[in-house]
Amino acid sequence: MFETNVVVLISVLVFIVFLTLLGIMSRFKKCKSDEILVIYGKTGGNKSSRCIQGGAAFIIPVLQGYAYMSLKPLQF
């Protein structure tokens, strides 16, 4: 009886850790070298947005949003 409780407890803890890591990884955004990642919302200081080119950033779910902007030249 005790061993089954331990197995269930460990399984639940592993599942919770897996969901937490999955949530963190889903908020980590990368952009290519020909894009700009624009982070808007609460970015720190007096800034309302932050731009990252060819890098990555962690987006805080409720306080920040993001958008990609292409740096490829327009052809007419």
N, C-alpha and C. Protein backbone atom coordinates (compact mmCIF):
# COMPACT_ATOMS: atom_id res chain seq x y z
N MET A 1 0.82 -1.20 0.00
CA MET A 1 0.00 0.00 0.00
C MET A 1 0.86 1.26 0.00
N PHE A 2 1.90 1.25 0.84
CA PHE A 2 2.77 2.42 0.94
C PHE A 2 3.52 2.66 -0.37
N GLU A 3 3.97 1.58 -1.03
CA GLU A 3 4.72 1.73 -2.27
C GLU A 3 3.87 2.31 -3.39
N THR A 4 2.60 1.93 -3.44
CA THR A 4 1.73 2.48 -4.49
C THR A 4 1.48 3.96 -4.27
N ASN A 5 1.37 4.37 -3.01
CA ASN A 5 1.18 5.80 -2.72
C ASN A 5 2.42 6.60 -3.14
N VAL A 6 3.59 6.05 -2.90
CA VAL A 6 4.83 6.73 -3.28
C VAL A 6 4.93 6.83 -4.80
N VAL A 7 4.57 5.76 -5.50
CA VAL A 7 4.63 5.77 -6.96
C VAL A 7 3.65 6.80 -7.52
N VAL A 8 2.45 6.86 -6.98
CA VAL A 8 1.46 7.84 -7.44
C VAL A 8 1.93 9.26 -7.15
N LEU A 9 2.49 9.49 -5.97
CA LEU A 9 2.98 10.81 -5.60
C LEU A 9 4.12 11.25 -6.53
N ILE A 10 5.05 10.36 -6.80
CA ILE A 10 6.16 10.69 -7.69
C ILE A 10 5.64 10.95 -9.10
N SER A 11 4.69 10.17 -9.55
CA SER A 11 4.11 10.37 -10.89
C SER A 11 3.44 11.73 -11.00
N VAL A 12 2.69 12.12 -9.98
CA VAL A 12 2.02 13.42 -9.99
C VAL A 12 3.05 14.55 -9.98
N LEU A 13 4.11 14.42 -9.18
CA LEU A 13 5.14 15.45 -9.13
C LEU A 13 5.87 15.58 -10.47
N VAL A 14 6.17 14.46 -11.11
CA VAL A 14 6.82 14.50 -12.42
C VAL A 14 5.90 15.17 -13.44
N PHE A 15 4.61 14.87 -13.39
CA PHE A 15 3.65 15.48 -14.30
C PHE A 15 3.56 16.99 -14.09
N ILE A 16 3.56 17.43 -12.84
CA ILE A 16 3.49 18.87 -12.53
C ILE A 16 4.76 19.57 -13.02
N VAL A 17 5.92 18.97 -12.80
CA VAL A 17 7.18 19.56 -13.26
C VAL A 17 7.19 19.63 -14.79
N PHE A 18 6.70 18.58 -15.45
CA PHE A 18 6.63 18.57 -16.92
C PHE A 18 5.73 19.69 -17.44
N LEU A 19 4.57 19.88 -16.83
CA LEU A 19 3.66 20.95 -17.26
C LEU A 19 4.27 22.33 -17.03
N THR A 20 4.98 22.49 -15.92
CA THR A 20 5.63 23.77 -15.63
C THR A 20 6.71 24.08 -16.66
N LEU A 21 7.54 23.10 -16.98
CA LEU A 21 8.58 23.30 -17.99
C LEU A 21 7.98 23.56 -19.37
N LEU A 22 6.90 22.88 -19.68
CA LEU A 22 6.23 23.10 -20.96
C LEU A 22 5.67 24.52 -21.05
N GLY A 23 5.11 25.03 -19.95
CA GLY A 23 4.60 26.39 -19.92
C GLY A 23 5.70 27.42 -20.07
N ILE A 24 6.83 27.19 -19.43
CA ILE A 24 7.96 28.12 -19.54
C ILE A 24 8.52 28.11 -20.95
N MET A 25 8.66 26.92 -21.53
CA MET A 25 9.21 26.82 -22.88
C MET A 25 8.29 27.45 -23.93
N SER A 26 7.00 27.42 -23.68
CA SER A 26 6.08 28.01 -24.66
C SER A 26 6.12 29.53 -24.65
N ARG A 27 6.63 30.15 -23.61
CA ARG A 27 6.72 31.61 -23.53
C ARG A 27 8.10 32.13 -23.93
N PHE A 28 9.03 31.24 -24.26
CA PHE A 28 10.36 31.62 -24.73
C PHE A 28 10.31 31.75 -26.24
N LYS A 29 10.49 32.96 -26.75
CA LYS A 29 10.34 33.23 -28.18
C LYS A 29 11.70 33.55 -28.80
N LYS A 30 11.95 32.96 -29.97
CA LYS A 30 13.17 33.20 -30.73
C LYS A 30 12.83 33.88 -32.04
N CYS A 31 13.74 34.69 -32.53
CA CYS A 31 13.54 35.29 -33.85
C CYS A 31 14.78 35.06 -34.70
N LYS A 32 14.56 34.97 -36.00
CA LYS A 32 15.65 34.75 -36.95
C LYS A 32 16.44 36.04 -37.15
N SER A 33 17.53 35.92 -37.87
CA SER A 33 18.38 37.10 -38.09
C SER A 33 17.74 38.11 -39.04
N ASP A 34 16.75 37.68 -39.83
CA ASP A 34 16.07 38.62 -40.73
C ASP A 34 14.72 39.07 -40.18
N GLU A 35 14.54 38.99 -38.88
CA GLU A 35 13.31 39.43 -38.21
C GLU A 35 13.65 40.26 -36.98
N ILE A 36 12.67 41.01 -36.53
CA ILE A 36 12.77 41.71 -35.25
C ILE A 36 11.63 41.23 -34.38
N LEU A 37 11.96 40.89 -33.16
CA LEU A 37 10.95 40.50 -32.17
C LEU A 37 10.61 41.75 -31.37
N VAL A 38 9.39 42.23 -31.49
CA VAL A 38 8.95 43.42 -30.77
C VAL A 38 8.14 42.96 -29.56
N ILE A 39 8.64 43.30 -28.38
CA ILE A 39 7.96 42.96 -27.13
C ILE A 39 7.34 44.24 -26.61
N TYR A 40 6.05 44.22 -26.36
CA TYR A 40 5.36 45.42 -25.89
C TYR A 40 4.62 45.11 -24.60
N GLY A 41 4.33 46.18 -23.87
CA GLY A 41 3.70 46.03 -22.56
C GLY A 41 4.69 46.46 -21.49
N LYS A 42 4.71 45.77 -20.40
CA LYS A 42 5.59 46.08 -19.28
C LYS A 42 6.99 45.54 -19.58
N THR A 43 7.87 46.40 -20.11
CA THR A 43 9.21 45.95 -20.48
C THR A 43 10.29 46.45 -19.54
N GLY A 44 9.94 47.22 -18.55
CA GLY A 44 10.92 47.72 -17.60
C GLY A 44 11.27 49.18 -17.86
N GLY A 45 11.45 49.92 -16.81
CA GLY A 45 11.80 51.34 -16.95
C GLY A 45 10.66 52.14 -17.52
N ASN A 46 11.01 53.16 -18.29
CA ASN A 46 10.01 54.02 -18.92
C ASN A 46 9.71 53.61 -20.36
N LYS A 47 10.20 52.47 -20.78
CA LYS A 47 9.99 52.01 -22.15
C LYS A 47 8.67 51.27 -22.28
N SER A 48 8.03 51.44 -23.41
CA SER A 48 6.78 50.71 -23.66
C SER A 48 7.00 49.52 -24.57
N SER A 49 8.18 49.45 -25.21
CA SER A 49 8.47 48.30 -26.08
C SER A 49 9.97 48.03 -26.08
N ARG A 50 10.29 46.84 -26.53
CA ARG A 50 11.69 46.42 -26.62
C ARG A 50 11.84 45.63 -27.91
N CYS A 51 12.90 45.88 -28.67
CA CYS A 51 13.12 45.21 -29.95
C CYS A 51 14.36 44.34 -29.86
N ILE A 52 14.24 43.12 -30.35
CA ILE A 52 15.35 42.18 -30.35
C ILE A 52 15.52 41.66 -31.77
N GLN A 53 16.74 41.74 -32.28
CA GLN A 53 17.01 41.23 -33.63
C GLN A 53 17.93 40.02 -33.52
N GLY A 54 17.51 38.91 -34.08
CA GLY A 54 18.32 37.70 -34.12
C GLY A 54 18.66 37.15 -32.75
N GLY A 55 17.70 37.13 -31.85
CA GLY A 55 17.94 36.62 -30.51
C GLY A 55 16.71 35.95 -29.96
N ALA A 56 16.60 35.96 -28.64
CA ALA A 56 15.47 35.33 -27.99
C ALA A 56 15.13 36.08 -26.71
N ALA A 57 13.91 35.89 -26.24
CA ALA A 57 13.46 36.55 -25.02
C ALA A 57 12.34 35.74 -24.38
N PHE A 58 12.18 35.92 -23.09
CA PHE A 58 11.09 35.31 -22.35
C PHE A 58 9.97 36.32 -22.23
N ILE A 59 8.77 35.94 -22.64
CA ILE A 59 7.60 36.82 -22.62
C ILE A 59 6.78 36.50 -21.38
N ILE A 60 6.54 37.50 -20.54
CA ILE A 60 5.70 37.31 -19.35
C ILE A 60 4.25 37.30 -19.82
N PRO A 61 3.50 36.22 -19.55
CA PRO A 61 2.19 36.00 -20.19
C PRO A 61 1.17 37.12 -20.07
N VAL A 62 0.91 37.64 -18.92
CA VAL A 62 -0.18 38.60 -18.76
C VAL A 62 0.30 40.03 -19.00
N LEU A 63 1.54 40.31 -18.70
CA LEU A 63 2.04 41.68 -18.75
C LEU A 63 2.63 42.09 -20.09
N GLN A 64 3.00 41.13 -20.93
CA GLN A 64 3.67 41.45 -22.18
C GLN A 64 3.02 40.74 -23.37
N GLY A 65 3.18 41.34 -24.52
CA GLY A 65 2.78 40.73 -25.78
C GLY A 65 3.96 40.80 -26.73
N TYR A 66 3.84 40.14 -27.88
CA TYR A 66 4.95 40.15 -28.82
C TYR A 66 4.43 40.09 -30.25
N ALA A 67 5.27 40.52 -31.17
CA ALA A 67 4.98 40.44 -32.60
C ALA A 67 6.30 40.35 -33.34
N TYR A 68 6.26 39.71 -34.50
CA TYR A 68 7.43 39.62 -35.35
C TYR A 68 7.31 40.64 -36.48
N MET A 69 8.45 41.21 -36.84
CA MET A 69 8.49 42.18 -37.93
C MET A 69 9.60 41.75 -38.89
N SER A 70 9.27 41.56 -40.14
CA SER A 70 10.24 41.09 -41.12
C SER A 70 11.16 42.23 -41.56
N LEU A 71 12.42 41.90 -41.78
CA LEU A 71 13.39 42.87 -42.29
C LEU A 71 13.71 42.62 -43.76
N LYS A 72 12.98 41.74 -44.40
CA LYS A 72 13.20 41.46 -45.81
C LYS A 72 12.73 42.66 -46.63
N PRO A 73 13.49 43.01 -47.67
CA PRO A 73 13.09 44.17 -48.49
C PRO A 73 11.81 43.88 -49.27
N LEU A 74 11.01 44.90 -49.44
CA LEU A 74 9.77 44.77 -50.22
C LEU A 74 10.09 44.85 -51.70
N GLN A 75 9.43 44.03 -52.48
CA GLN A 75 9.63 44.06 -53.93
C GLN A 75 8.36 44.58 -54.59
N PHE A 76 8.52 45.54 -55.48
CA PHE A 76 7.38 46.12 -56.18
C PHE A 76 7.39 45.72 -57.63
